């Protein structure tokens, strides 16, 4: 555990917490779970996982100082790939945070790029945007899998960040 609370150590712990919840929230998902959607108008679990993957790219790209390309389609990617790459994006983010100087966090920008534009926003938008959104959607996955009859494994303690 960190001995002092700094912007980088708090951001690191939040990303680790997200990774832990995502790992166990998506662990052991079956086809029936991936196809589950709460209503005709809602996203399926697979579509929600695609969205979380996109959010993980925004998170990682912000710390790697790269733009996120707008409008990418992930529907052809399989679950295993999406899950692995999302976890890797979060792991790579934590590694950057291990080396980031405190003063560098103030300079971070979320950048979105499309064919005809590029827009940047301050780091704080990463907190209430992609990071908060990721936690929301991981919670949906956990709820959806419970509804499809496949709850998360027993012993997962999100408060302590451990699996007993």
Protein backbone atom coordinates (compact mmCIF):
# COMPACT_ATOMS: atom_id res chain seq x y z
CA UNK A 1 0.00 0.00 0.00
CA UNK A 2 1.04 3.57 -0.58
CA UNK A 3 2.44 5.48 2.38
CA UNK A 4 1.11 8.83 1.19
CA UNK A 5 -1.81 9.92 -0.91
CA UNK A 6 -0.74 11.57 -4.13
CA UNK A 7 -2.65 12.09 -7.35
CA UNK A 8 -0.72 9.27 -9.02
CA UNK A 9 -1.17 6.79 -6.15
CA UNK A 10 -4.91 7.50 -5.91
CA UNK A 11 -5.32 7.18 -9.69
CA UNK A 12 -3.32 3.93 -9.60
CA UNK A 13 -5.52 2.44 -6.87
CA UNK A 14 -8.69 3.40 -8.74
CA UNK A 15 -7.43 1.73 -11.93
CA UNK A 16 -6.36 -1.36 -9.95
CA UNK A 17 -9.81 -1.50 -8.36
CA UNK A 18 -11.44 -1.23 -11.76
CA UNK A 19 -9.21 -4.02 -13.08
CA UNK A 20 -10.05 -6.27 -10.11
CA UNK A 21 -13.79 -5.74 -10.52
CA UNK A 22 -13.60 -6.22 -14.29
CA UNK A 23 -11.48 -9.37 -13.98
CA UNK A 24 -13.96 -11.08 -11.64
CA UNK A 25 -17.02 -9.54 -13.25
CA UNK A 26 -16.07 -11.08 -16.60
CA UNK A 27 -14.43 -14.27 -15.27
CA UNK A 28 -16.17 -17.43 -16.47
CA UNK A 29 -18.76 -15.70 -18.63
CA UNK A 30 -20.54 -18.08 -20.96
CA UNK A 31 -22.29 -17.47 -24.27
CA UNK A 32 -25.68 -17.18 -22.54
CA UNK A 33 -24.22 -14.44 -20.32
CA UNK A 34 -22.68 -12.56 -23.23
CA UNK A 35 -25.99 -12.62 -25.12
CA UNK A 36 -28.05 -11.48 -22.12
CA UNK A 37 -29.67 -8.07 -22.34
CA UNK A 38 -32.19 -6.68 -19.87
CA UNK A 39 -34.52 -5.35 -22.59
CA UNK A 40 -34.84 -5.19 -26.35
CA UNK A 41 -33.54 -1.62 -26.35
CA UNK A 42 -30.62 -2.31 -23.99
CA UNK A 43 -27.08 -3.43 -24.67
CA UNK A 44 -26.17 -7.09 -24.32
CA UNK A 45 -23.34 -8.04 -21.97
CA UNK A 46 -21.06 -8.50 -25.01
CA UNK A 47 -21.93 -5.02 -26.30
CA UNK A 48 -21.30 -3.61 -22.82
CA UNK A 49 -17.90 -5.35 -22.76
CA UNK A 50 -17.10 -3.76 -26.13
CA UNK A 51 -17.91 -0.36 -24.61
CA UNK A 52 -15.74 -1.04 -21.55
CA UNK A 53 -12.90 -1.98 -23.92
CA UNK A 54 -13.29 1.38 -25.65
CA UNK A 55 -13.26 3.16 -22.28
CA UNK A 56 -10.10 1.26 -21.28
CA UNK A 57 -8.47 2.55 -24.47
CA UNK A 58 -9.38 6.12 -23.51
CA UNK A 59 -7.95 5.61 -20.02
CA UNK A 60 -4.71 4.05 -21.27
CA UNK A 61 -4.29 6.48 -24.17
CA UNK A 62 -4.67 9.45 -21.81
CA UNK A 63 -1.76 8.27 -19.66
CA UNK A 64 0.24 7.21 -22.73
CA UNK A 65 -0.40 10.68 -24.22
CA UNK A 66 -2.09 9.31 -27.33
CA UNK A 67 -5.41 10.23 -28.93
CA UNK A 68 -8.39 7.88 -28.90
CA UNK A 69 -9.67 7.35 -32.44
CA UNK A 70 -13.39 8.07 -32.57
CA UNK A 71 -15.84 5.69 -34.20
CA UNK A 72 -13.99 2.38 -34.03
CA UNK A 73 -16.21 -0.72 -34.27
CA UNK A 74 -15.46 -3.62 -31.93
CA UNK A 75 -18.42 -5.88 -32.72
CA UNK A 76 -16.28 -8.35 -34.70
CA UNK A 77 -13.87 -8.86 -31.79
CA UNK A 78 -14.49 -11.93 -29.66
CA UNK A 79 -15.02 -11.85 -25.91
CA UNK A 80 -11.66 -13.40 -25.03
CA UNK A 81 -9.77 -10.75 -27.00
CA UNK A 82 -11.83 -7.89 -25.56
CA UNK A 83 -11.38 -9.14 -21.99
CA UNK A 84 -7.64 -9.69 -22.34
CA UNK A 85 -7.00 -6.36 -24.04
CA UNK A 86 -9.12 -4.43 -21.54
CA UNK A 87 -7.15 -5.94 -18.66
CA UNK A 88 -3.86 -5.22 -20.46
CA UNK A 89 -4.89 -1.60 -21.05
CA UNK A 90 -5.54 -1.19 -17.33
CA UNK A 91 -2.28 -2.97 -16.42
CA UNK A 92 -0.28 -0.75 -18.80
CA UNK A 93 -1.95 2.31 -17.26
CA UNK A 94 -0.85 1.21 -13.77
CA UNK A 95 2.73 0.76 -15.02
CA UNK A 96 2.71 4.31 -16.42
CA UNK A 97 1.38 5.59 -13.09
CA UNK A 98 4.31 3.90 -11.34
CA UNK A 99 6.70 6.13 -13.28
CA UNK A 100 4.65 9.30 -13.68
CA UNK A 101 5.81 12.42 -11.86
CA UNK A 102 3.14 14.23 -9.85
CA UNK A 103 3.47 17.40 -11.89
CA UNK A 104 2.83 15.41 -15.09
CA UNK A 105 -0.74 14.54 -14.06
CA UNK A 106 -1.73 18.22 -14.29
CA UNK A 107 -0.63 18.20 -17.93
CA UNK A 108 -2.53 15.07 -19.01
CA UNK A 109 -5.25 15.54 -21.58
CA UNK A 110 -7.93 13.20 -22.91
CA UNK A 111 -7.75 13.54 -26.68
CA UNK A 112 -10.31 12.26 -29.17
CA UNK A 113 -9.43 12.17 -32.85
CA UNK A 114 -11.61 11.61 -35.90
CA UNK A 115 -11.06 12.09 -39.61
CA UNK A 116 -11.84 15.78 -39.43
CA UNK A 117 -11.17 16.90 -35.86
CA UNK A 118 -9.17 16.49 -32.69
CA UNK A 119 -10.49 17.61 -29.30
CA UNK A 120 -8.70 17.58 -25.95
CA UNK A 121 -10.07 17.85 -22.41
CA UNK A 122 -8.45 18.19 -18.98
CA UNK A 123 -7.48 15.10 -16.96
CA UNK A 124 -10.34 15.61 -14.48
CA UNK A 125 -12.82 14.64 -17.18
CA UNK A 126 -11.19 11.20 -17.20
CA UNK A 127 -12.36 10.70 -13.61
CA UNK A 128 -16.03 11.55 -14.03
CA UNK A 129 -16.15 10.31 -17.61
CA UNK A 130 -14.43 7.09 -18.75
CA UNK A 131 -13.33 5.85 -15.31
CA UNK A 132 -16.69 6.38 -13.59
CA UNK A 133 -18.48 5.06 -16.67
CA UNK A 134 -16.31 1.91 -16.61
CA UNK A 135 -17.28 1.16 -13.01
CA UNK A 136 -20.95 1.63 -13.92
CA UNK A 137 -20.72 -0.79 -16.83
CA UNK A 138 -18.75 -3.39 -14.87
CA UNK A 139 -21.59 -3.27 -12.35
CA UNK A 140 -24.03 -3.87 -15.19
CA UNK A 141 -22.07 -6.93 -16.33
CA UNK A 142 -22.17 -8.29 -12.78
CA UNK A 143 -25.91 -7.66 -12.56
CA UNK A 144 -26.56 -9.12 -16.03
CA UNK A 145 -24.60 -12.30 -15.29
CA UNK A 146 -26.52 -12.74 -12.05
CA UNK A 147 -29.76 -12.38 -14.05
CA UNK A 148 -28.58 -14.97 -16.58
CA UNK A 149 -27.86 -17.44 -13.76
CA UNK A 150 -24.08 -17.12 -13.50
CA UNK A 151 -23.14 -14.88 -10.52
CA UNK A 152 -19.54 -13.89 -9.85
CA UNK A 153 -17.50 -16.53 -8.03
CA UNK A 154 -17.89 -16.78 -4.29
CA UNK A 155 -15.16 -15.15 -2.23
CA UNK A 156 -14.63 -12.07 -4.39
CA UNK A 157 -14.21 -9.18 -1.94
CA UNK A 158 -14.22 -5.87 -3.83
CA UNK A 159 -13.76 -3.91 -0.58
CA UNK A 160 -10.43 -5.58 0.15
CA UNK A 161 -9.59 -6.29 -3.49
CA UNK A 162 -9.01 -9.99 -2.87
CA UNK A 163 -10.51 -13.36 -3.75
CA UNK A 164 -10.71 -15.73 -0.80
